[in-house]
Amino acid sequence: MRIIKHGHSCVTIATGDHRLVVDPGGFTERDVAADATAVLITHEHADHWTPEQLAATDAPVFTIEAVAAKIADADPALRERVSVVAPGDRFDAFGVAVTVVGTKHAVIHPELPHFDNSGYLVEADGVSVFHPGDALTTLPAPADVLLLPVSAPWMKVAECIDYARDFGAARSVAIHDAVYSEAGLGVVDGHLGRFLEPRQQEYRRLRSGEELTV
């Protein structure tokens, strides 16, 4: 399996001839989903999907009801390619097993709407990868790779560190990293390395276009 990092929270999980693209949004390079086999979207915010990104591909889209409604409002033609999934569902995306996990976005502020959000546990080639979207959702047993949000208006670095430690993945790969400057991300990288390495938990932040084979 290959994990290819794109801008912000978007990754491609590639296995065999299949490419699952997760959360191609407005902070991600255009047309990143053009050669996708399937697209997964965690929640409705524009940094995780846009109509333009979905229009660049003919691939089927799997997402929760709240996002499906937004897609239909933005472009009814896109809705025809959307399959609605719900927390607890397990489905096959062209030979890749996907489980839907979690219900809510992390709280941004108590006075703001509390959006729906579901992460995806992807399993293929004997490897499991978890993309939580904008939430700090744990699993009964850790995935091999956690796609770890490292910067967000709804999170401080202590929460990021504790989430990675509690989740317990052997590898954490940074996502949701367009919010901070490179200097700020360097600080976060240092903290995560300092806290995770003594626990034999690897941390990586990939550049856009860089990939990791697992």
N, C-alpha and C. Protein backbone atom coordinates (compact mmCIF):
# COMPACT_ATOMS: atom_id res chain seq x y z
N MET A 1 0.84 -1.20 0.00
CA MET A 1 0.00 0.00 0.00
C MET A 1 0.88 1.25 0.00
N ARG A 2 0.43 2.26 -0.76
CA ARG A 2 1.11 3.55 -0.77
C ARG A 2 0.16 4.63 -0.26
N ILE A 3 0.68 5.49 0.59
CA ILE A 3 -0.07 6.65 1.05
C ILE A 3 0.58 7.88 0.43
N ILE A 4 -0.18 8.60 -0.38
CA ILE A 4 0.34 9.77 -1.09
C ILE A 4 -0.32 11.00 -0.49
N LYS A 5 0.49 11.90 0.01
CA LYS A 5 -0.01 13.11 0.66
C LYS A 5 -0.26 14.20 -0.38
N HIS A 6 -1.41 14.83 -0.27
CA HIS A 6 -1.72 16.00 -1.08
C HIS A 6 -1.90 17.18 -0.13
N GLY A 7 -2.31 18.29 -0.64
CA GLY A 7 -2.45 19.46 0.20
C GLY A 7 -3.46 19.26 1.31
N HIS A 8 -3.11 19.75 2.50
CA HIS A 8 -3.98 19.80 3.67
C HIS A 8 -4.39 18.40 4.14
N SER A 9 -5.67 18.07 4.06
CA SER A 9 -6.18 16.83 4.65
C SER A 9 -6.40 15.72 3.62
N CYS A 10 -5.95 15.94 2.40
CA CYS A 10 -6.22 14.99 1.31
C CYS A 10 -5.07 14.01 1.15
N VAL A 11 -5.42 12.73 1.07
CA VAL A 11 -4.45 11.68 0.78
C VAL A 11 -5.05 10.74 -0.26
N THR A 12 -4.15 10.09 -0.99
CA THR A 12 -4.53 8.95 -1.82
C THR A 12 -4.00 7.70 -1.15
N ILE A 13 -4.86 6.71 -1.00
CA ILE A 13 -4.46 5.40 -0.51
C ILE A 13 -4.50 4.48 -1.72
N ALA A 14 -3.30 4.08 -2.18
CA ALA A 14 -3.17 3.33 -3.42
C ALA A 14 -2.79 1.89 -3.12
N THR A 15 -3.52 0.97 -3.72
CA THR A 15 -3.24 -0.46 -3.56
C THR A 15 -3.59 -1.15 -4.87
N GLY A 16 -2.63 -1.88 -5.42
CA GLY A 16 -2.87 -2.50 -6.72
C GLY A 16 -3.19 -1.44 -7.74
N ASP A 17 -4.30 -1.63 -8.46
CA ASP A 17 -4.72 -0.65 -9.47
C ASP A 17 -5.71 0.36 -8.92
N HIS A 18 -5.97 0.34 -7.62
CA HIS A 18 -7.02 1.17 -7.06
C HIS A 18 -6.43 2.35 -6.28
N ARG A 19 -7.11 3.48 -6.39
CA ARG A 19 -6.67 4.70 -5.72
C ARG A 19 -7.87 5.33 -5.02
N LEU A 20 -7.90 5.24 -3.70
CA LEU A 20 -8.95 5.89 -2.91
C LEU A 20 -8.44 7.27 -2.52
N VAL A 21 -9.16 8.29 -2.90
CA VAL A 21 -8.79 9.67 -2.57
C VAL A 21 -9.72 10.15 -1.46
N VAL A 22 -9.13 10.60 -0.36
CA VAL A 22 -9.91 11.03 0.79
C VAL A 22 -9.80 12.54 0.94
N ASP A 23 -10.93 13.21 1.03
CA ASP A 23 -11.05 14.64 1.35
C ASP A 23 -10.28 15.58 0.41
N PRO A 24 -10.60 15.55 -0.90
CA PRO A 24 -10.00 16.52 -1.82
C PRO A 24 -10.73 17.87 -1.72
N GLY A 25 -10.15 18.80 -0.99
CA GLY A 25 -10.83 20.06 -0.71
C GLY A 25 -10.17 21.28 -1.31
N GLY A 26 -10.57 22.42 -0.82
CA GLY A 26 -10.14 23.69 -1.39
C GLY A 26 -8.70 24.06 -1.11
N PHE A 27 -8.07 23.43 -0.12
CA PHE A 27 -6.65 23.69 0.16
C PHE A 27 -5.75 22.68 -0.54
N THR A 28 -6.33 21.85 -1.38
CA THR A 28 -5.61 20.78 -2.06
C THR A 28 -5.44 21.15 -3.53
N GLU A 29 -4.34 20.72 -4.13
CA GLU A 29 -4.11 21.02 -5.54
C GLU A 29 -5.29 20.52 -6.38
N ARG A 30 -5.60 21.25 -7.44
CA ARG A 30 -6.76 20.94 -8.27
C ARG A 30 -6.59 19.61 -8.99
N ASP A 31 -7.71 18.97 -9.25
CA ASP A 31 -7.79 17.74 -10.04
C ASP A 31 -7.05 16.57 -9.40
N VAL A 32 -6.86 16.64 -8.09
CA VAL A 32 -6.14 15.55 -7.41
C VAL A 32 -6.89 14.23 -7.50
N ALA A 33 -8.21 14.30 -7.67
CA ALA A 33 -9.02 13.08 -7.73
C ALA A 33 -9.27 12.60 -9.14
N ALA A 34 -8.61 13.18 -10.11
CA ALA A 34 -8.90 12.88 -11.51
C ALA A 34 -8.77 11.40 -11.83
N ASP A 35 -7.76 10.72 -11.24
CA ASP A 35 -7.56 9.30 -11.54
C ASP A 35 -7.99 8.41 -10.38
N ALA A 36 -8.89 8.92 -9.55
CA ALA A 36 -9.36 8.14 -8.40
C ALA A 36 -10.23 6.97 -8.84
N THR A 37 -10.12 5.87 -8.10
CA THR A 37 -11.06 4.76 -8.24
C THR A 37 -12.33 5.06 -7.44
N ALA A 38 -12.15 5.70 -6.28
CA ALA A 38 -13.26 6.10 -5.42
C ALA A 38 -12.82 7.30 -4.60
N VAL A 39 -13.79 8.10 -4.19
CA VAL A 39 -13.53 9.26 -3.34
C VAL A 39 -14.30 9.10 -2.04
N LEU A 40 -13.63 9.36 -0.92
CA LEU A 40 -14.26 9.34 0.40
C LEU A 40 -14.23 10.75 0.96
N ILE A 41 -15.35 11.21 1.53
CA ILE A 41 -15.41 12.55 2.13
C ILE A 41 -15.90 12.42 3.56
N THR A 42 -15.16 13.03 4.49
CA THR A 42 -15.48 12.88 5.91
C THR A 42 -16.55 13.83 6.40
N HIS A 43 -16.56 15.07 5.88
CA HIS A 43 -17.56 16.04 6.35
C HIS A 43 -17.69 17.19 5.36
N GLU A 44 -18.56 18.13 5.66
CA GLU A 44 -19.01 19.09 4.67
C GLU A 44 -18.14 20.31 4.45
N HIS A 45 -17.14 20.55 5.24
CA HIS A 45 -16.36 21.78 5.13
C HIS A 45 -15.56 21.84 3.83
N ALA A 46 -15.40 23.05 3.32
CA ALA A 46 -14.83 23.24 1.99
C ALA A 46 -13.35 22.88 1.91
N ASP A 47 -12.66 22.79 3.04
CA ASP A 47 -11.27 22.34 2.98
C ASP A 47 -11.18 20.82 2.85
N HIS A 48 -12.33 20.15 2.79
CA HIS A 48 -12.36 18.68 2.66
C HIS A 48 -13.07 18.21 1.39
N TRP A 49 -13.81 19.08 0.74
CA TRP A 49 -14.35 18.74 -0.58
C TRP A 49 -14.82 20.02 -1.25
N THR A 50 -14.81 20.02 -2.57
CA THR A 50 -15.42 21.10 -3.35
C THR A 50 -16.10 20.49 -4.57
N PRO A 51 -17.11 21.15 -5.12
CA PRO A 51 -17.72 20.64 -6.35
C PRO A 51 -16.71 20.52 -7.48
N GLU A 52 -15.75 21.45 -7.54
CA GLU A 52 -14.76 21.42 -8.61
C GLU A 52 -13.89 20.18 -8.53
N GLN A 53 -13.50 19.80 -7.30
CA GLN A 53 -12.69 18.59 -7.16
C GLN A 53 -13.47 17.35 -7.59
N LEU A 54 -14.75 17.28 -7.22
CA LEU A 54 -15.54 16.11 -7.59
C LEU A 54 -15.85 16.09 -9.08
N ALA A 55 -16.00 17.26 -9.69
CA ALA A 55 -16.27 17.32 -11.12
C ALA A 55 -15.08 16.87 -11.96
N ALA A 56 -13.90 16.85 -11.34
CA ALA A 56 -12.69 16.48 -12.07
C ALA A 56 -12.52 14.97 -12.21
N THR A 57 -13.43 14.19 -11.63
CA THR A 57 -13.34 12.74 -11.67
C THR A 57 -14.71 12.14 -11.96
N ASP A 58 -14.70 10.95 -12.53
CA ASP A 58 -15.95 10.19 -12.72
C ASP A 58 -16.12 9.12 -11.65
N ALA A 59 -15.24 9.11 -10.67
CA ALA A 59 -15.25 8.06 -9.65
C ALA A 59 -16.47 8.17 -8.74
N PRO A 60 -16.93 7.04 -8.20
CA PRO A 60 -18.01 7.09 -7.22
C PRO A 60 -17.52 7.76 -5.94
N VAL A 61 -18.46 8.40 -5.25
CA VAL A 61 -18.17 9.14 -4.03
C VAL A 61 -18.92 8.49 -2.87
N PHE A 62 -18.23 8.22 -1.79
CA PHE A 62 -18.83 7.67 -0.59
C PHE A 62 -18.73 8.70 0.53
N THR A 63 -19.88 9.01 1.13
CA THR A 63 -19.87 10.02 2.18
C THR A 63 -21.14 9.93 3.01
N ILE A 64 -21.18 10.72 4.08
CA ILE A 64 -22.33 10.70 4.99
C ILE A 64 -23.46 11.58 4.43
N GLU A 65 -24.64 11.44 5.00
CA GLU A 65 -25.83 12.12 4.49
C GLU A 65 -25.68 13.63 4.45
N ALA A 66 -25.08 14.22 5.49
CA ALA A 66 -24.94 15.68 5.53
C ALA A 66 -24.14 16.19 4.35
N VAL A 67 -23.10 15.46 3.96
CA VAL A 67 -22.28 15.87 2.82
C VAL A 67 -23.03 15.61 1.52
N ALA A 68 -23.70 14.49 1.42
CA ALA A 68 -24.47 14.18 0.22
C ALA A 68 -25.48 15.28 -0.08
N ALA A 69 -26.11 15.81 0.96
CA ALA A 69 -27.08 16.89 0.77
C ALA A 69 -26.39 18.15 0.24
N LYS A 70 -25.21 18.45 0.74
CA LYS A 70 -24.46 19.62 0.27
C LYS A 70 -24.04 19.44 -1.20
N ILE A 71 -23.64 18.22 -1.54
CA ILE A 71 -23.25 17.95 -2.93
C ILE A 71 -24.44 18.12 -3.86
N ALA A 72 -25.59 17.61 -3.46
CA ALA A 72 -26.79 17.74 -4.28
C ALA A 72 -27.18 19.19 -4.47
N ASP A 73 -27.02 20.01 -3.43
CA ASP A 73 -27.33 21.43 -3.54
C ASP A 73 -26.36 22.14 -4.48
N ALA A 74 -25.10 21.73 -4.43
CA ALA A 74 -24.08 22.39 -5.24
C ALA A 74 -24.17 22.01 -6.70
N ASP A 75 -24.46 20.74 -6.97
CA ASP A 75 -24.51 20.25 -8.36
C ASP A 75 -25.30 18.95 -8.38
N PRO A 76 -26.58 19.01 -8.74
CA PRO A 76 -27.41 17.80 -8.73
C PRO A 76 -26.83 16.66 -9.57
N ALA A 77 -26.07 16.98 -10.60
CA ALA A 77 -25.49 15.93 -11.44
C ALA A 77 -24.47 15.11 -10.67
N LEU A 78 -23.78 15.72 -9.75
CA LEU A 78 -22.80 14.99 -8.95
C LEU A 78 -23.47 14.00 -8.01
N ARG A 79 -24.67 14.34 -7.56
CA ARG A 79 -25.38 13.50 -6.59
C ARG A 79 -25.58 12.08 -7.10
N GLU A 80 -25.66 11.92 -8.42
CA GLU A 80 -25.89 10.59 -8.99
C GLU A 80 -24.74 9.63 -8.71
N ARG A 81 -23.56 10.16 -8.41
CA ARG A 81 -22.40 9.30 -8.15
C ARG A 81 -22.16 9.08 -6.66
N VAL A 82 -23.03 9.61 -5.81
CA VAL A 82 -22.80 9.56 -4.37
C VAL A 82 -23.53 8.39 -3.74
N SER A 83 -22.80 7.62 -2.95
CA SER A 83 -23.39 6.58 -2.10
C SER A 83 -23.31 7.06 -0.66
N VAL A 84 -24.46 7.07 0.02
CA VAL A 84 -24.51 7.53 1.41
C VAL A 84 -24.15 6.38 2.34
N VAL A 85 -23.21 6.66 3.24
CA VAL A 85 -22.81 5.68 4.24
C VAL A 85 -23.07 6.26 5.62
N ALA A 86 -23.06 5.41 6.63
CA ALA A 86 -23.36 5.83 8.00
C ALA A 86 -22.38 5.17 8.96
N PRO A 87 -22.20 5.76 10.14
CA PRO A 87 -21.29 5.18 11.12
C PRO A 87 -21.62 3.71 11.40
N GLY A 88 -20.59 2.90 11.41
CA GLY A 88 -20.76 1.47 11.61
C GLY A 88 -20.85 0.68 10.32
N ASP A 89 -21.10 1.35 9.20
CA ASP A 89 -21.16 0.64 7.91
C ASP A 89 -19.77 0.14 7.53
N ARG A 90 -19.76 -1.00 6.88
CA ARG A 90 -18.53 -1.53 6.29
C ARG A 90 -18.85 -1.87 4.84
N PHE A 91 -18.06 -1.36 3.93
CA PHE A 91 -18.37 -1.58 2.52
C PHE A 91 -17.08 -1.86 1.76
N ASP A 92 -17.26 -2.36 0.55
CA ASP A 92 -16.15 -2.70 -0.32
C ASP A 92 -16.03 -1.63 -1.40
N ALA A 93 -14.87 -1.01 -1.48
CA ALA A 93 -14.62 0.00 -2.52
C ALA A 93 -13.60 -0.60 -3.48
N PHE A 94 -14.09 -1.39 -4.43
CA PHE A 94 -13.25 -2.00 -5.45
C PHE A 94 -12.14 -2.85 -4.83
N GLY A 95 -12.53 -3.73 -3.93
CA GLY A 95 -11.59 -4.64 -3.32
C GLY A 95 -10.90 -4.11 -2.08
N VAL A 96 -11.19 -2.87 -1.71
CA VAL A 96 -10.62 -2.27 -0.51
C VAL A 96 -11.72 -2.17 0.54
N ALA A 97 -11.49 -2.72 1.73
CA ALA A 97 -12.49 -2.70 2.80
C ALA A 97 -12.45 -1.36 3.52
N VAL A 98 -13.62 -0.74 3.67
CA VAL A 98 -13.73 0.56 4.32
C VAL A 98 -14.79 0.47 5.41
N THR A 99 -14.45 0.93 6.62
CA THR A 99 -15.40 1.00 7.73
C THR A 99 -15.59 2.46 8.11
N VAL A 100 -16.84 2.84 8.32
CA VAL A 100 -17.20 4.22 8.67
C VAL A 100 -17.22 4.35 10.19
N VAL A 101 -16.48 5.33 10.72
CA VAL A 101 -16.28 5.43 12.17
C VAL A 101 -16.51 6.87 12.64
N GLY A 102 -17.32 7.02 13.69
CA GLY A 102 -17.50 8.33 14.30
C GLY A 102 -18.69 9.09 13.73
N THR A 103 -19.17 10.06 14.52
CA THR A 103 -20.39 10.77 14.14
C THR A 103 -20.25 12.29 14.08
N LYS A 104 -19.34 12.88 14.85
CA LYS A 104 -19.32 14.33 14.99
C LYS A 104 -17.93 14.93 14.79
N HIS A 105 -17.93 16.11 14.20
CA HIS A 105 -16.75 16.96 14.08
C HIS A 105 -16.31 17.38 15.48
N ALA A 106 -15.03 17.62 15.67
CA ALA A 106 -14.58 18.20 16.93
C ALA A 106 -15.25 19.55 17.15
N VAL A 107 -15.45 19.92 18.38
CA VAL A 107 -16.12 21.18 18.70
C VAL A 107 -15.17 22.35 18.37
N ILE A 108 -15.64 23.23 17.50
CA ILE A 108 -14.87 24.43 17.17
C ILE A 108 -15.09 25.50 18.23
N HIS A 109 -16.36 25.72 18.56
CA HIS A 109 -16.77 26.62 19.64
C HIS A 109 -18.18 26.22 20.05
N PRO A 110 -18.50 26.24 21.33
CA PRO A 110 -19.82 25.78 21.77
C PRO A 110 -20.99 26.53 21.13
N GLU A 111 -20.75 27.75 20.66
CA GLU A 111 -21.84 28.53 20.07
C GLU A 111 -21.95 28.34 18.56
N LEU A 112 -21.09 27.54 17.98
CA LEU A 112 -21.16 27.24 16.55
C LEU A 112 -21.85 25.90 16.33
N PRO A 113 -22.42 25.68 15.13
CA PRO A 113 -23.06 24.38 14.86
C PRO A 113 -22.07 23.24 15.03
N HIS A 114 -22.58 22.11 15.51
CA HIS A 114 -21.75 20.92 15.69
C HIS A 114 -21.99 20.00 14.50
N PHE A 115 -21.07 20.00 13.56
CA PHE A 115 -21.25 19.33 12.28
C PHE A 115 -21.05 17.82 12.40
N ASP A 116 -21.67 17.09 11.46
CA ASP A 116 -21.44 15.66 11.35
C ASP A 116 -20.07 15.40 10.74
N ASN A 117 -19.44 14.33 11.14
CA ASN A 117 -18.13 13.94 10.63
C ASN A 117 -17.96 12.44 10.87
N SER A 118 -17.56 11.73 9.85
CA SER A 118 -17.23 10.31 10.01
C SER A 118 -15.89 10.03 9.37
N GLY A 119 -15.03 9.34 10.12
CA GLY A 119 -13.74 8.92 9.58
C GLY A 119 -13.87 7.60 8.85
N TYR A 120 -12.75 7.19 8.21
CA TYR A 120 -12.75 5.95 7.44
C TYR A 120 -11.54 5.10 7.80
N LEU A 121 -11.81 3.86 8.18
CA LEU A 121 -10.76 2.86 8.38
C LEU A 121 -10.65 2.07 7.09
N VAL A 122 -9.50 2.17 6.44
CA VAL A 122 -9.26 1.52 5.15
C VAL A 122 -8.31 0.35 5.38
N GLU A 123 -8.68 -0.83 4.87
CA GLU A 123 -7.88 -2.03 5.07
C GLU A 123 -7.62 -2.71 3.73
N ALA A 124 -6.35 -2.89 3.42
CA ALA A 124 -5.95 -3.56 2.19
C ALA A 124 -4.50 -3.99 2.31
N ASP A 125 -4.14 -5.06 1.61
CA ASP A 125 -2.76 -5.55 1.60
C ASP A 125 -2.24 -5.85 2.99
N GLY A 126 -3.13 -6.22 3.91
CA GLY A 126 -2.72 -6.53 5.27
C GLY A 126 -2.37 -5.32 6.11
N VAL A 127 -2.75 -4.12 5.64
CA VAL A 127 -2.44 -2.87 6.34
C VAL A 127 -3.73 -2.11 6.58
N SER A 128 -3.84 -1.46 7.75
CA SER A 128 -5.01 -0.63 8.06
C SER A 128 -4.57 0.82 8.25
N VAL A 129 -5.36 1.73 7.67
CA VAL A 129 -5.10 3.17 7.73
C VAL A 129 -6.38 3.86 8.17
N PHE A 130 -6.27 4.78 9.13
CA PHE A 130 -7.44 5.49 9.61
C PHE A 130 -7.32 6.99 9.34
N HIS A 131 -8.32 7.53 8.62
CA HIS A 131 -8.45 8.97 8.40
C HIS A 131 -9.63 9.44 9.24
N PRO A 132 -9.39 10.24 10.30
CA PRO A 132 -10.49 10.61 11.20
C PRO A 132 -11.29 11.82 10.75
N GLY A 133 -10.89 12.46 9.63
CA GLY A 133 -11.53 13.73 9.31
C GLY A 133 -11.16 14.75 10.36
N ASP A 134 -12.12 15.59 10.74
CA ASP A 134 -11.88 16.62 11.75
C ASP A 134 -12.43 16.16 13.10
N ALA A 135 -11.83 15.12 13.63
CA ALA A 135 -12.24 14.58 14.93
C ALA A 135 -11.06 13.81 15.50
N LEU A 136 -11.12 13.58 16.79
CA LEU A 136 -10.07 12.81 17.47
C LEU A 136 -10.67 11.49 17.92
N THR A 137 -11.07 10.69 16.95
CA THR A 137 -11.78 9.44 17.18
C THR A 137 -10.81 8.29 17.35
N THR A 138 -10.99 7.51 18.39
CA THR A 138 -10.17 6.32 18.60
C THR A 138 -10.92 5.07 18.14
N LEU A 139 -10.19 3.97 18.05
CA LEU A 139 -10.75 2.70 17.62
C LEU A 139 -10.55 1.66 18.72
N PRO A 140 -11.34 0.58 18.72
CA PRO A 140 -11.13 -0.47 19.73
C PRO A 140 -9.72 -1.05 19.69
N ALA A 141 -9.15 -1.13 18.49
CA ALA A 141 -7.76 -1.55 18.32
C ALA A 141 -7.12 -0.58 17.34
N PRO A 142 -5.86 -0.19 17.56
CA PRO A 142 -5.27 0.83 16.69
C PRO A 142 -5.07 0.34 15.27
N ALA A 143 -5.24 1.24 14.31
CA ALA A 143 -4.85 0.96 12.94
C ALA A 143 -3.32 0.99 12.86
N ASP A 144 -2.78 0.45 11.79
CA ASP A 144 -1.33 0.49 11.61
C ASP A 144 -0.85 1.92 11.38
N VAL A 145 -1.66 2.70 10.66
CA VAL A 145 -1.29 4.08 10.34
C VAL A 145 -2.45 5.00 10.72
N LEU A 146 -2.14 6.03 11.47
CA LEU A 146 -3.10 7.09 11.79
C LEU A 146 -2.75 8.30 10.96
N LEU A 147 -3.72 8.80 10.19
CA LEU A 147 -3.57 10.08 9.50
C LEU A 147 -3.97 11.14 10.52
N LEU A 148 -2.98 11.84 11.04
CA LEU A 148 -3.11 12.63 12.26
C LEU A 148 -3.30 14.12 11.97
N PRO A 149 -4.47 14.70 12.30
CA PRO A 149 -4.62 16.16 12.17
C PRO A 149 -3.63 16.86 13.10
N VAL A 150 -2.85 17.79 12.55
CA VAL A 150 -1.81 18.44 13.37
C VAL A 150 -2.02 19.94 13.55
N SER A 151 -2.97 20.54 12.83
CA SER A 151 -3.25 21.97 13.03
C SER A 151 -4.70 22.24 12.68
N ALA A 152 -5.38 22.96 13.55
CA ALA A 152 -6.80 23.23 13.31
C ALA A 152 -7.29 24.28 14.30
N PRO A 153 -8.31 25.06 13.92
CA PRO A 153 -8.89 26.02 14.86
C PRO A 153 -9.53 25.34 16.07
N TRP A 154 -9.81 24.05 15.95
CA TRP A 154 -10.49 23.32 17.02
C TRP A 154 -9.54 22.49 17.88
N MET A 155 -8.22 22.67 17.71
CA MET A 155 -7.29 21.79 18.40
C MET A 155 -6.05 22.54 18.85
N LYS A 156 -5.52 22.17 20.02
CA LYS A 156 -4.22 22.65 20.46
C LYS A 156 -3.23 21.48 20.42
N VAL A 157 -1.95 21.80 20.44
CA VAL A 157 -0.95 20.76 20.22
C VAL A 157 -1.01 19.67 21.29
N ALA A 158 -1.36 20.01 22.52
CA ALA A 158 -1.46 18.99 23.57
C ALA A 158 -2.51 17.94 23.21
N GLU A 159 -3.63 18.38 22.62
CA GLU A 159 -4.67 17.44 22.22
C GLU A 159 -4.17 16.54 21.09
N CYS A 160 -3.41 17.11 20.17
CA CYS A 160 -2.85 16.33 19.07
C CYS A 160 -1.90 15.26 19.60
N ILE A 161 -1.03 15.64 20.52
CA ILE A 161 -0.08 14.69 21.12
C ILE A 161 -0.83 13.57 21.85
N ASP A 162 -1.78 13.95 22.70
CA ASP A 162 -2.51 12.95 23.48
C ASP A 162 -3.31 12.02 22.58
N TYR A 163 -3.89 12.57 21.51
CA TYR A 163 -4.65 11.73 20.59
C TYR A 163 -3.74 10.69 19.93
N ALA A 164 -2.59 11.13 19.45
CA ALA A 164 -1.68 10.19 18.80
C ALA A 164 -1.22 9.11 19.78
N ARG A 165 -0.91 9.51 21.00
CA ARG A 165 -0.47 8.52 22.00
C ARG A 165 -1.60 7.56 22.35
N ASP A 166 -2.80 8.11 22.58
CA ASP A 166 -3.93 7.25 22.97
C ASP A 166 -4.35 6.32 21.83
N PHE A 167 -4.28 6.82 20.61
CA PHE A 167 -4.67 5.99 19.47
C PHE A 167 -3.73 4.79 19.34
N GLY A 168 -2.45 5.03 19.51
CA GLY A 168 -1.51 3.93 19.59
C GLY A 168 -1.02 3.35 18.28
N ALA A 169 -1.16 4.08 17.18
CA ALA A 169 -0.67 3.56 15.90
C ALA A 169 0.85 3.51 15.88
N ALA A 170 1.37 2.51 15.20
CA ALA A 170 2.82 2.43 15.05
C ALA A 170 3.35 3.61 14.24
N ARG A 171 2.54 4.11 13.30
CA ARG A 171 2.93 5.25 12.48
C ARG A 171 1.82 6.28 12.48
N SER A 172 2.20 7.53 12.67
CA SER A 172 1.28 8.65 12.50
C SER A 172 1.81 9.53 11.39
N VAL A 173 0.95 9.85 10.43
CA VAL A 173 1.31 10.68 9.29
C VAL A 173 0.47 11.95 9.34
N ALA A 174 1.12 13.09 9.30
CA ALA A 174 0.43 14.36 9.47
C ALA A 174 -0.53 14.66 8.32
N ILE A 175 -1.73 15.11 8.69
CA ILE A 175 -2.67 15.72 7.74
C ILE A 175 -3.21 16.99 8.39
N HIS A 176 -4.11 17.67 7.68
CA HIS A 176 -4.73 18.90 8.17
C HIS A 176 -3.65 19.90 8.60
N ASP A 177 -2.74 20.15 7.67
CA ASP A 177 -1.55 20.93 8.00
C ASP A 177 -1.43 22.25 7.24
N ALA A 178 -2.50 22.69 6.59
CA ALA A 178 -2.45 23.95 5.85
C ALA A 178 -2.78 25.16 6.71
N VAL A 179 -3.17 24.93 7.95
CA VAL A 179 -3.61 26.03 8.81
C VAL A 179 -2.41 26.79 9.39
N TYR A 180 -1.32 26.07 9.69
CA TYR A 180 -0.15 26.69 10.29
C TYR A 180 0.88 27.06 9.22
N SER A 181 1.75 27.98 9.57
CA SER A 181 2.92 28.28 8.74
C SER A 181 3.92 27.14 8.84
N GLU A 182 4.92 27.16 7.98
CA GLU A 182 5.96 26.14 8.05
C GLU A 182 6.69 26.20 9.39
N ALA A 183 6.87 27.42 9.91
CA ALA A 183 7.51 27.56 11.21
C ALA A 183 6.67 26.92 12.31
N GLY A 184 5.37 27.17 12.27
CA GLY A 184 4.48 26.58 13.27
C GLY A 184 4.44 25.07 13.18
N LEU A 185 4.43 24.55 11.95
CA LEU A 185 4.43 23.09 11.78
C LEU A 185 5.73 22.48 12.29
N GLY A 186 6.83 23.21 12.15
CA GLY A 186 8.09 22.73 12.68
C GLY A 186 8.03 22.55 14.19
N VAL A 187 7.35 23.47 14.87
CA VAL A 187 7.18 23.35 16.31
C VAL A 187 6.35 22.11 16.65
N VAL A 188 5.25 21.92 15.92
CA VAL A 188 4.40 20.75 16.14
C VAL A 188 5.17 19.46 15.87
N ASP A 189 5.93 19.43 14.77
CA ASP A 189 6.72 18.24 14.45
C ASP A 189 7.66 17.90 15.60
N GLY A 190 8.31 18.92 16.15
CA GLY A 190 9.23 18.68 17.25
C GLY A 190 8.56 18.09 18.47
N HIS A 191 7.41 18.63 18.82
CA HIS A 191 6.68 18.11 19.97
C HIS A 191 6.23 16.66 19.75
N LEU A 192 5.69 16.39 18.56
CA LEU A 192 5.20 15.04 18.30
C LEU A 192 6.34 14.03 18.31
N GLY A 193 7.45 14.38 17.71
CA GLY A 193 8.60 13.48 17.75
C GLY A 193 9.07 13.23 19.17
N ARG A 194 9.10 14.28 19.96
CA ARG A 194 9.58 14.19 21.35
C ARG A 194 8.70 13.25 22.18
N PHE A 195 7.39 13.31 21.96
CA PHE A 195 6.48 12.51 22.79
C PHE A 195 6.22 11.11 22.24
N LEU A 196 6.29 10.95 20.91
CA LEU A 196 5.93 9.65 20.33
C LEU A 196 7.11 8.70 20.22
N GLU A 197 8.28 9.22 19.90
CA GLU A 197 9.42 8.33 19.67
C GLU A 197 9.77 7.46 20.88
N PRO A 198 9.71 7.97 22.12
CA PRO A 198 10.00 7.10 23.26
C PRO A 198 9.01 5.95 23.42
N ARG A 199 7.86 6.06 22.77
CA ARG A 199 6.85 5.00 22.83
C ARG A 199 6.92 4.08 21.61
N GLN A 200 8.01 4.22 20.83
CA GLN A 200 8.19 3.45 19.59
C GLN A 200 7.05 3.70 18.60
N GLN A 201 6.58 4.95 18.59
CA GLN A 201 5.57 5.38 17.62
C GLN A 201 6.24 6.37 16.66
N GLU A 202 6.24 6.02 15.39
CA GLU A 202 6.87 6.85 14.38
C GLU A 202 5.95 7.99 13.97
N TYR A 203 6.52 9.17 13.74
CA TYR A 203 5.75 10.31 13.24
C TYR A 203 6.41 10.83 11.97
N ARG A 204 5.57 11.08 10.93
CA ARG A 204 6.07 11.64 9.67
C ARG A 204 5.14 12.74 9.21
N ARG A 205 5.72 13.80 8.67
CA ARG A 205 4.92 14.80 7.94
C ARG A 205 5.44 14.83 6.51
N LEU A 206 4.61 14.37 5.59
CA LEU A 206 4.97 14.29 4.18
C LEU A 206 4.68 15.62 3.50
N ARG A 207 5.52 16.00 2.56
CA ARG A 207 5.25 17.15 1.70
C ARG A 207 4.18 16.77 0.68
N SER A 208 3.53 17.75 0.11
CA SER A 208 2.53 17.47 -0.92
C SER A 208 3.18 16.76 -2.10
N GLY A 209 2.61 15.62 -2.47
CA GLY A 209 3.15 14.80 -3.55
C GLY A 209 4.08 13.71 -3.06
N GLU A 210 4.54 13.79 -1.82
CA GLU A 210 5.41 12.77 -1.26
C GLU A 210 4.57 11.56 -0.85
N GLU A 211 5.18 10.39 -0.88
CA GLU A 211 4.43 9.18 -0.53
C GLU A 211 5.20 8.29 0.42
N LEU A 212 4.44 7.44 1.09
CA LEU A 212 4.98 6.49 2.06
C LEU A 212 4.45 5.11 1.69
N THR A 213 5.33 4.15 1.59
CA THR A 213 4.92 2.76 1.34
C THR A 213 4.85 2.02 2.67
N VAL A 214 3.72 1.36 2.91
CA VAL A 214 3.53 0.64 4.18
C VAL A 214 3.11 -0.80 3.91
